[in-house]
Amino acid sequence: MTSDRWLVCPRPSPDAAWQLFCFPHAGGGTGTFTAWAGGLWPGIELTAVCPPGRERHLAAAPHRDLVSLVAALDCVLSPRLRPPYAFFGHSLGALLAFELARVLARRGTGPAHLFLSASRPPHLLRREPELHQLDDASLLAVLSRHGGIPEDLASMPGMVELVLPPLRADLEILAGYRSQPGDPLACAMTAMGGDQDSDVLPASLLEWRSLTTGAFSRRLLPGGHFYLASQRHLVLDAIQRDLAAHDVVPSTPTPMEAAKP
């Protein structure tokens, strides 16, 4: 495993056909995505993004606005990009992936594919109450109702103190986020979500279509806002199928294809 404070790449593969960079939800880290690496075909090199304030990046102060976070990630990722590459972002991570893609596209170095998961497009975002200002107990209760925090977290010594500061910072990012108008992207785009997500409805996922002139698809999978946890194999299958639709063709079959009779 190679890593620095920002990035974790479980299986480095300099000759991979694709790079896939994954951006976590509010308060999230790299664990969900690093667990994916073994389920993707070898032609995809997966790298999980670890924003400041969590995991190996714990000592750094978390960002509290999206502009500064995008600028920092631009500096970190730009030297490492090997086209073609793709971004996958979940919830807040989808907005981060989208805004970073816009910055890179203006320089002609944008991603070939965007996977935007469990997120309304910027022009349909609701102005949420300022959750980051709630006290600890109230914030944990709100998040537990949405399935984003395990119910027993509060009883784990030290965990609340570790998890809540970056989570509050990310929620502050969401509260202050205002996307600026701009030209649509030209990359392919896949909007993904859970069919039981009460916040990001299937119809709102279709609205991402207006933000790219490239190929667009919507994929609904069983589950709520955090459907990734229970639908891992379907998520990976969707990513592989959509990347395979590009001109870049894997040299080896996906693990799922190889298992088929």
C-alpha atoms as a PDB file:
ATOM      1  CA  MET A   1       0.000   0.000   0.000  1.00  0.00           C
ATOM      2  CA  THR A   2       1.314   3.455  -0.878  1.00  0.00           C
ATOM      3  CA  SER A   3      -0.131   6.539   0.730  1.00  0.00           C
ATOM      4  CA  ASP A   4       0.492  10.048   1.904  1.00  0.00           C
ATOM      5  CA  ARG A   5      -1.705  12.214   4.076  1.00  0.00           C
ATOM      6  CA  TRP A   6      -4.138  12.969   1.246  1.00  0.00           C
ATOM      7  CA  LEU A   7      -4.235   9.782  -0.795  1.00  0.00           C
ATOM      8  CA  VAL A   8      -4.394   6.036  -0.223  1.00  0.00           C
ATOM      9  CA  CYS A   9      -3.745   3.710  -3.163  1.00  0.00           C
ATOM     10  CA  PRO A  10      -4.124   0.076  -1.995  1.00  0.00           C
ATOM     11  CA  ARG A  11      -2.852  -1.492  -5.228  1.00  0.00           C
ATOM     12  CA  PRO A  12      -0.574   0.838  -7.197  1.00  0.00           C
ATOM     13  CA  SER A  13      -0.552   0.012 -10.885  1.00  0.00           C
ATOM     14  CA  PRO A  14       1.340   2.511 -13.048  1.00  0.00           C
ATOM     15  CA  ASP A  15       0.282   0.637 -16.195  1.00  0.00           C
ATOM     16  CA  ALA A  16      -3.437   0.568 -15.349  1.00  0.00           C
ATOM     17  CA  ALA A  17      -5.816   1.641 -18.097  1.00  0.00           C
ATOM     18  CA  TRP A  18      -7.783   3.840 -15.670  1.00  0.00           C
ATOM     19  CA  GLN A  19      -7.202   5.824 -12.511  1.00  0.00           C
ATOM     20  CA  LEU A  20     -10.261   6.076 -10.235  1.00  0.00           C
ATOM     21  CA  PHE A  21     -10.186   8.712  -7.481  1.00  0.00           C
ATOM     22  CA  CYS A  22     -12.868   8.409  -4.782  1.00  0.00           C
ATOM     23  CA  PHE A  23     -14.149  11.240  -2.572  1.00  0.00           C
ATOM     24  CA  PRO A  24     -15.970  10.513   0.725  1.00  0.00           C
ATOM     25  CA  HIS A  25     -19.213  11.808   2.194  1.00  0.00           C
ATOM     26  CA  ALA A  26     -19.301  14.409   4.987  1.00  0.00           C
ATOM     27  CA  GLY A  27     -17.141  13.197   7.844  1.00  0.00           C
ATOM     28  CA  GLY A  28     -16.123  10.130   5.862  1.00  0.00           C
ATOM     29  CA  GLY A  29     -12.722   8.619   5.259  1.00  0.00           C
ATOM     30  CA  THR A  30     -11.057   6.128   2.960  1.00  0.00           C
ATOM     31  CA  GLY A  31     -12.256   2.782   4.349  1.00  0.00           C
ATOM     32  CA  THR A  32     -15.267   2.228   2.095  1.00  0.00           C
ATOM     33  CA  PHE A  33     -13.244   2.869  -1.026  1.00  0.00           C
ATOM     34  CA  THR A  34     -10.033   1.017  -0.172  1.00  0.00           C
ATOM     35  CA  ALA A  35     -12.195  -2.064   0.397  1.00  0.00           C
ATOM     36  CA  TRP A  36     -13.266  -1.813  -3.248  1.00  0.00           C
ATOM     37  CA  ALA A  37      -9.784  -2.310  -4.683  1.00  0.00           C
ATOM     38  CA  GLY A  38      -9.911  -6.107  -4.600  1.00  0.00           C
ATOM     39  CA  GLY A  39     -13.248  -6.168  -6.446  1.00  0.00           C
ATOM     40  CA  LEU A  40     -12.182  -4.095  -9.443  1.00  0.00           C
ATOM     41  CA  TRP A  41     -10.466  -5.474 -12.502  1.00  0.00           C
ATOM     42  CA  PRO A  42      -6.684  -4.920 -12.510  1.00  0.00           C
ATOM     43  CA  GLY A  43      -7.025  -2.261 -15.213  1.00  0.00           C
ATOM     44  CA  ILE A  44      -8.403   0.194 -12.638  1.00  0.00           C
ATOM     45  CA  GLU A  45      -6.044   1.768 -10.126  1.00  0.00           C
ATOM     46  CA  LEU A  46      -8.165   3.028  -7.217  1.00  0.00           C
ATOM     47  CA  THR A  47      -7.067   5.908  -5.008  1.00  0.00           C
ATOM     48  CA  ALA A  48      -9.128   7.039  -2.007  1.00  0.00           C
ATOM     49  CA  VAL A  49      -8.994  10.700  -0.995  1.00  0.00           C
ATOM     50  CA  CYS A  50      -8.491  11.451   2.709  1.00  0.00           C
ATOM     51  CA  PRO A  51      -9.357  15.105   3.423  1.00  0.00           C
ATOM     52  CA  PRO A  52      -7.662  16.845   6.361  1.00  0.00           C
ATOM     53  CA  GLY A  53      -8.894  16.193   9.880  1.00  0.00           C
ATOM     54  CA  ARG A  54      -9.363  12.415   9.747  1.00  0.00           C
ATOM     55  CA  GLU A  55      -7.461   9.122   9.657  1.00  0.00           C
ATOM     56  CA  ARG A  56      -3.839   9.598   8.532  1.00  0.00           C
ATOM     57  CA  HIS A  57      -4.599  13.293   7.980  1.00  0.00           C
ATOM     58  CA  LEU A  58      -5.860  13.791  11.537  1.00  0.00           C
ATOM     59  CA  ALA A  59      -3.304  16.386  12.609  1.00  0.00           C
ATOM     60  CA  ALA A  60      -4.280  18.842   9.858  1.00  0.00           C
ATOM     61  CA  ALA A  61      -7.120  21.307  10.366  1.00  0.00           C
ATOM     62  CA  PRO A  62     -10.158  20.409   8.237  1.00  0.00           C
ATOM     63  CA  HIS A  63     -11.262  22.782   5.501  1.00  0.00           C
ATOM     64  CA  ARG A  64     -14.477  24.713   6.093  1.00  0.00           C
ATOM     65  CA  ASP A  65     -15.223  25.900   2.560  1.00  0.00           C
ATOM     66  CA  LEU A  66     -15.249  24.039  -0.728  1.00  0.00           C
ATOM     67  CA  VAL A  67     -13.148  26.548  -2.651  1.00  0.00           C
ATOM     68  CA  SER A  68     -10.100  26.072  -0.432  1.00  0.00           C
ATOM     69  CA  LEU A  69     -10.537  22.292  -0.363  1.00  0.00           C
ATOM     70  CA  VAL A  70     -10.785  22.104  -4.151  1.00  0.00           C
ATOM     71  CA  ALA A  71      -7.677  24.285  -4.512  1.00  0.00           C
ATOM     72  CA  ALA A  72      -5.719  22.055  -2.141  1.00  0.00           C
ATOM     73  CA  LEU A  73      -6.819  18.887  -3.941  1.00  0.00           C
ATOM     74  CA  ASP A  74      -5.931  20.427  -7.282  1.00  0.00           C
ATOM     75  CA  CYS A  75      -2.350  20.859  -6.050  1.00  0.00           C
ATOM     76  CA  VAL A  76      -2.232  17.317  -4.657  1.00  0.00           C
ATOM     77  CA  LEU A  77      -3.822  15.465  -7.569  1.00  0.00           C
ATOM     78  CA  SER A  78      -2.641  17.336 -10.658  1.00  0.00           C
ATOM     79  CA  PRO A  79       0.911  15.918 -10.608  1.00  0.00           C
ATOM     80  CA  ARG A  80      -0.491  12.379 -10.222  1.00  0.00           C
ATOM     81  CA  LEU A  81      -3.112  12.349 -12.974  1.00  0.00           C
ATOM     82  CA  ARG A  82      -2.587   9.931 -15.870  1.00  0.00           C
ATOM     83  CA  PRO A  83      -5.437  10.203 -18.380  1.00  0.00           C
ATOM     84  CA  PRO A  84      -7.856   8.642 -18.714  1.00  0.00           C
ATOM     85  CA  TYR A  85      -9.066   8.940 -15.168  1.00  0.00           C
ATOM     86  CA  ALA A  86     -12.416   9.053 -13.384  1.00  0.00           C
ATOM     87  CA  PHE A  87     -13.818  10.548 -10.183  1.00  0.00           C
ATOM     88  CA  PHE A  88     -16.334   8.881  -7.849  1.00  0.00           C
ATOM     89  CA  GLY A  89     -17.871  11.059  -5.163  1.00  0.00           C
ATOM     90  CA  HIS A  90     -20.543  10.204  -2.600  1.00  0.00           C
ATOM     91  CA  SER A  91     -22.852  12.910  -1.187  1.00  0.00           C
ATOM     92  CA  LEU A  92     -20.558  15.853  -0.293  1.00  0.00           C
ATOM     93  CA  GLY A  93     -17.840  13.973  -2.176  1.00  0.00           C
ATOM     94  CA  ALA A  94     -19.916  14.221  -5.374  1.00  0.00           C
ATOM     95  CA  LEU A  95     -19.974  18.013  -5.139  1.00  0.00           C
ATOM     96  CA  LEU A  96     -16.251  18.050  -4.425  1.00  0.00           C
ATOM     97  CA  ALA A  97     -15.548  15.787  -7.407  1.00  0.00           C
ATOM     98  CA  PHE A  98     -17.731  17.949  -9.651  1.00  0.00           C
ATOM     99  CA  GLU A  99     -16.122  21.251  -8.657  1.00  0.00           C
ATOM    100  CA  LEU A 100     -12.608  19.823  -8.948  1.00  0.00           C
ATOM    101  CA  ALA A 101     -13.502  18.421 -12.380  1.00  0.00           C
ATOM    102  CA  ARG A 102     -14.565  21.914 -13.479  1.00  0.00           C
ATOM    103  CA  VAL A 103     -11.223  23.388 -12.400  1.00  0.00           C
ATOM    104  CA  LEU A 104      -9.270  20.676 -14.214  1.00  0.00           C
ATOM    105  CA  ALA A 105     -11.476  20.847 -17.330  1.00  0.00           C
ATOM    106  CA  ARG A 106     -10.762  24.552 -17.726  1.00  0.00           C
ATOM    107  CA  ARG A 107      -7.101  23.594 -18.151  1.00  0.00           C
ATOM    108  CA  GLY A 108      -7.945  20.788 -20.565  1.00  0.00           C
ATOM    109  CA  THR A 109      -6.990  18.061 -18.077  1.00  0.00           C
ATOM    110  CA  GLY A 110     -10.409  17.058 -16.716  1.00  0.00           C
ATOM    111  CA  PRO A 111     -11.645  13.544 -15.968  1.00  0.00           C
ATOM    112  CA  ALA A 112     -13.059  11.311 -18.675  1.00  0.00           C
ATOM    113  CA  HIS A 113     -15.874  10.113 -16.391  1.00  0.00           C
ATOM    114  CA  LEU A 114     -17.660  11.421 -13.299  1.00  0.00           C
ATOM    115  CA  PHE A 115     -19.621   9.141 -10.949  1.00  0.00           C
ATOM    116  CA  LEU A 116     -21.843  11.338  -8.767  1.00  0.00           C
ATOM    117  CA  SER A 117     -23.465   9.379  -5.966  1.00  0.00           C
ATOM    118  CA  ALA A 118     -26.307  10.301  -3.585  1.00  0.00           C
ATOM    119  CA  SER A 119     -26.199  14.001  -4.356  1.00  0.00           C
ATOM    120  CA  ARG A 120     -28.511  16.567  -5.852  1.00  0.00           C
ATOM    121  CA  PRO A 121     -26.853  18.700  -8.534  1.00  0.00           C
ATOM    122  CA  PRO A 122     -25.682  22.127  -7.312  1.00  0.00           C
ATOM    123  CA  HIS A 123     -28.665  24.035  -8.710  1.00  0.00           C
ATOM    124  CA  LEU A 124     -31.116  21.820  -6.787  1.00  0.00           C
ATOM    125  CA  LEU A 125     -29.399  21.761  -3.407  1.00  0.00           C
ATOM    126  CA  ARG A 126     -31.668  22.538  -0.487  1.00  0.00           C
ATOM    127  CA  ARG A 127     -30.478  25.073   2.057  1.00  0.00           C
ATOM    128  CA  GLU A 128     -30.154  22.764   5.009  1.00  0.00           C
ATOM    129  CA  PRO A 129     -30.313  23.952   8.628  1.00  0.00           C
ATOM    130  CA  GLU A 130     -26.841  24.623   9.945  1.00  0.00           C
ATOM    131  CA  LEU A 131     -26.285  21.180  11.398  1.00  0.00           C
ATOM    132  CA  HIS A 132     -22.676  21.942  12.255  1.00  0.00           C
ATOM    133  CA  GLN A 133     -23.900  24.271  15.003  1.00  0.00           C
ATOM    134  CA  LEU A 134     -25.904  21.600  16.854  1.00  0.00           C
ATOM    135  CA  ASP A 135     -24.611  20.192  20.121  1.00  0.00           C
ATOM    136  CA  ASP A 136     -23.028  16.739  19.978  1.00  0.00           C
ATOM    137  CA  ALA A 137     -26.065  14.758  21.119  1.00  0.00           C
ATOM    138  CA  SER A 138     -28.444  16.516  18.716  1.00  0.00           C
ATOM    139  CA  LEU A 139     -26.059  16.150  15.781  1.00  0.00           C
ATOM    140  CA  LEU A 140     -25.539  12.433  16.438  1.00  0.00           C
ATOM    141  CA  ALA A 141     -29.300  11.927  16.676  1.00  0.00           C
ATOM    142  CA  VAL A 142     -29.904  13.625  13.323  1.00  0.00           C
ATOM    143  CA  LEU A 143     -27.182  11.633  11.597  1.00  0.00           C
ATOM    144  CA  SER A 144     -28.300   8.330  13.108  1.00  0.00           C
ATOM    145  CA  ARG A 145     -31.771   8.838  11.628  1.00  0.00           C
ATOM    146  CA  HIS A 146     -30.184   9.122   8.177  1.00  0.00           C
ATOM    147  CA  GLY A 147     -28.024   6.033   8.641  1.00  0.00           C
ATOM    148  CA  GLY A 148     -24.737   7.936   8.558  1.00  0.00           C
ATOM    149  CA  ILE A 149     -23.614   7.238  12.131  1.00  0.00           C
ATOM    150  CA  PRO A 150     -23.691   3.844  13.881  1.00  0.00           C
ATOM    151  CA  GLU A 151     -26.110   3.923  16.806  1.00  0.00           C
ATOM    152  CA  ASP A 152     -23.458   2.757  19.271  1.00  0.00           C
ATOM    153  CA  LEU A 153     -20.886   5.394  18.311  1.00  0.00           C
ATOM    154  CA  ALA A 154     -21.642   7.591  21.332  1.00  0.00           C
ATOM    155  CA  SER A 155     -20.736   4.707  23.651  1.00  0.00           C
ATOM    156  CA  MET A 156     -17.290   4.198  22.116  1.00  0.00           C
ATOM    157  CA  PRO A 157     -14.641   6.007  24.186  1.00  0.00           C
ATOM    158  CA  GLY A 158     -12.888   8.754  22.237  1.00  0.00           C
ATOM    159  CA  MET A 159     -14.703   8.127  18.957  1.00  0.00           C
ATOM    160  CA  VAL A 160     -17.039  11.110  19.156  1.00  0.00           C
ATOM    161  CA  GLU A 161     -14.086  13.433  19.751  1.00  0.00           C
ATOM    162  CA  LEU A 162     -12.376  12.048  16.636  1.00  0.00           C
ATOM    163  CA  VAL A 163     -15.368  11.907  14.298  1.00  0.00           C
ATOM    164  CA  LEU A 164     -17.326  15.071  15.035  1.00  0.00           C
ATOM    165  CA  PRO A 165     -14.740  17.822  14.286  1.00  0.00           C
ATOM    166  CA  PRO A 166     -14.196  16.856  10.609  1.00  0.00           C
ATOM    167  CA  LEU A 167     -17.894  16.080  10.281  1.00  0.00           C
ATOM    168  CA  ARG A 168     -18.828  19.536  11.548  1.00  0.00           C
ATOM    169  CA  ALA A 169     -16.329  21.113   9.155  1.00  0.00           C
ATOM    170  CA  ASP A 170     -17.822  19.200   6.219  1.00  0.00           C
ATOM    171  CA  LEU A 171     -21.352  20.191   7.231  1.00  0.00           C
ATOM    172  CA  GLU A 172     -20.184  23.800   7.363  1.00  0.00           C
ATOM    173  CA  ILE A 173     -18.899  23.363   3.797  1.00  0.00           C
ATOM    174  CA  LEU A 174     -22.344  22.178   2.739  1.00  0.00           C
ATOM    175  CA  ALA A 175     -24.068  25.060   4.521  1.00  0.00           C
ATOM    176  CA  GLY A 176     -21.914  27.633   2.732  1.00  0.00           C
ATOM    177  CA  TYR A 177     -21.569  25.980  -0.685  1.00  0.00           C
ATOM    178  CA  ARG A 178     -22.712  28.065  -3.628  1.00  0.00           C
ATOM    179  CA  SER A 179     -21.760  26.757  -7.064  1.00  0.00           C
ATOM    180  CA  GLN A 180     -20.814  29.401  -9.601  1.00  0.00           C
ATOM    181  CA  PRO A 181     -22.325  29.342 -13.107  1.00  0.00           C
ATOM    182  CA  GLY A 182     -20.124  27.871 -15.812  1.00  0.00           C
ATOM    183  CA  ASP A 183     -20.017  25.916 -19.030  1.00  0.00           C
ATOM    184  CA  PRO A 184     -21.132  22.295 -18.838  1.00  0.00           C
ATOM    185  CA  LEU A 185     -18.457  19.650 -18.660  1.00  0.00           C
ATOM    186  CA  ALA A 186     -17.700  17.470 -21.686  1.00  0.00           C
ATOM    187  CA  CYS A 187     -16.998  14.215 -19.832  1.00  0.00           C
ATOM    188  CA  ALA A 188     -19.253  11.206 -19.444  1.00  0.00           C
ATOM    189  CA  MET A 189     -21.335  11.318 -16.286  1.00  0.00           C
ATOM    190  CA  THR A 190     -23.133   8.693 -14.208  1.00  0.00           C
ATOM    191  CA  ALA A 191     -25.534   9.840 -11.482  1.00  0.00           C
ATOM    192  CA  MET A 192     -26.099   7.092  -8.920  1.00  0.00           C
ATOM    193  CA  GLY A 193     -28.338   6.756  -5.900  1.00  0.00           C
ATOM    194  CA  GLY A 194     -30.413   4.557  -3.648  1.00  0.00           C
ATOM    195  CA  ASP A 195     -33.992   3.980  -4.723  1.00  0.00           C
ATOM    196  CA  GLN A 196     -35.134   4.540  -1.112  1.00  0.00           C
ATOM    197  CA  ASP A 197     -33.136   7.729  -0.486  1.00  0.00           C
ATOM    198  CA  SER A 198     -35.677  10.179   0.930  1.00  0.00           C
ATOM    199  CA  ASP A 199     -33.385  13.178   0.428  1.00  0.00           C
ATOM    200  CA  VAL A 200     -31.912  12.597  -3.042  1.00  0.00           C
ATOM    201  CA  LEU A 201     -34.884  11.460  -5.082  1.00  0.00           C
ATOM    202  CA  PRO A 202     -34.460   9.601  -8.405  1.00  0.00           C
ATOM    203  CA  ALA A 203     -35.822  12.566 -10.368  1.00  0.00           C
ATOM    204  CA  SER A 204     -33.197  14.913  -8.913  1.00  0.00           C
ATOM    205  CA  LEU A 205     -30.400  12.617 -10.091  1.00  0.00           C
ATOM    206  CA  LEU A 206     -31.580  13.140 -13.674  1.00  0.00           C
ATOM    207  CA  GLU A 207     -30.907  16.873 -13.310  1.00  0.00           C
ATOM    208  CA  TRP A 208     -27.157  16.235 -13.421  1.00  0.00           C
ATOM    209  CA  ARG A 209     -27.680  15.689 -17.153  1.00  0.00           C
ATOM    210  CA  SER A 210     -27.711  19.448 -17.792  1.00  0.00           C
ATOM    211  CA  LEU A 211     -24.166  19.782 -16.444  1.00  0.00           C
ATOM    212  CA  THR A 212     -22.400  17.795 -19.153  1.00  0.00           C
ATOM    213  CA  THR A 213     -22.450  17.560 -22.942  1.00  0.00           C
ATOM    214  CA  GLY A 214     -21.024  14.045 -22.715  1.00  0.00           C
ATOM    215  CA  ALA A 215     -22.795  10.733 -22.310  1.00  0.00           C
ATOM    216  CA  PHE A 216     -25.123  10.572 -19.309  1.00  0.00           C
ATOM    217  CA  SER A 217     -26.729   7.725 -17.405  1.00  0.00           C
ATOM    218  CA  ARG A 218     -28.597   7.298 -14.137  1.00  0.00           C
ATOM    219  CA  ARG A 219     -28.251   4.183 -12.042  1.00  0.00           C
ATOM    220  CA  LEU A 220     -30.624   3.417  -9.158  1.00  0.00           C
ATOM    221  CA  LEU A 221     -29.597   0.731  -6.689  1.00  0.00           C
ATOM    222  CA  PRO A 222     -31.506  -0.765  -3.752  1.00  0.00           C
ATOM    223  CA  GLY A 223     -31.143   1.182  -0.535  1.00  0.00           C
ATOM    224  CA  GLY A 224     -31.140   4.604   1.073  1.00  0.00           C
ATOM    225  CA  HIS A 225     -28.606   7.422   1.191  1.00  0.00           C
ATOM    226  CA  PHE A 226     -25.784   5.080   2.223  1.00  0.00           C
ATOM    227  CA  TYR A 227     -26.625   2.316  -0.237  1.00  0.00           C
ATOM    228  CA  LEU A 228     -22.896   1.841  -0.923  1.00  0.00           C
ATOM    229  CA  ALA A 229     -22.527  -0.249   2.222  1.00  0.00           C
ATOM    230  CA  SER A 230     -25.031  -2.927   1.197  1.00  0.00           C
ATOM    231  CA  GLN A 231     -24.661  -2.790  -2.594  1.00  0.00           C
ATOM    232  CA  ARG A 232     -20.922  -2.924  -3.024  1.00  0.00           C
ATOM    233  CA  HIS A 233     -20.916  -5.502  -5.819  1.00  0.00           C
ATOM    234  CA  LEU A 234     -23.577  -3.648  -7.792  1.00  0.00           C
ATOM    235  CA  VAL A 235     -21.699  -0.376  -7.398  1.00  0.00           C
ATOM    236  CA  LEU A 236     -18.438  -1.885  -8.624  1.00  0.00           C
ATOM    237  CA  ASP A 237     -20.220  -3.581 -11.508  1.00  0.00           C
ATOM    238  CA  ALA A 238     -21.753  -0.242 -12.541  1.00  0.00           C
ATOM    239  CA  ILE A 239     -18.385   1.521 -12.413  1.00  0.00           C
ATOM    240  CA  GLN A 240     -16.693  -1.179 -14.475  1.00  0.00           C
ATOM    241  CA  ARG A 241     -19.445  -1.310 -17.080  1.00  0.00           C
ATOM    242  CA  ASP A 242     -19.467   2.458 -17.541  1.00  0.00           C
ATOM    243  CA  LEU A 243     -15.688   2.703 -17.829  1.00  0.00           C
ATOM    244  CA  ALA A 244     -15.694  -0.225 -20.269  1.00  0.00           C
ATOM    245  CA  ALA A 245     -18.039   1.790 -22.521  1.00  0.00           C
ATOM    246  CA  HIS A 246     -15.134   4.144 -23.279  1.00  0.00           C
ATOM    247  CA  ASP A 247     -12.560   3.391 -25.949  1.00  0.00           C
ATOM    248  CA  VAL A 248     -10.181   2.126 -23.272  1.00  0.00           C
ATOM    249  CA  VAL A 249     -10.825  -1.620 -22.990  1.00  0.00           C
ATOM    250  CA  PRO A 250      -9.595  -3.749 -20.049  1.00  0.00           C
ATOM    251  CA  SER A 251      -6.978  -6.323 -20.894  1.00  0.00           C
ATOM    252  CA  THR A 252      -8.478  -8.762 -18.378  1.00  0.00           C
ATOM    253  CA  PRO A 253     -12.096  -9.534 -17.510  1.00  0.00           C
ATOM    254  CA  THR A 254     -13.695  -8.164 -14.371  1.00  0.00           C
ATOM    255  CA  PRO A 255     -13.857 -10.583 -11.423  1.00  0.00           C
ATOM    256  CA  MET A 256     -17.635 -10.773 -11.942  1.00  0.00           C
ATOM    257  CA  GLU A 257     -17.302 -11.556 -15.641  1.00  0.00           C
ATOM    258  CA  ALA A 258     -14.638 -14.144 -14.971  1.00  0.00           C
ATOM    259  CA  ALA A 259     -16.966 -15.914 -12.559  1.00  0.00           C
ATOM    260  CA  LYS A 260     -19.796 -16.200 -15.076  1.00  0.00           C
ATOM    261  CA  PRO A 261     -20.260 -19.645 -16.704  1.00  0.00           C
END
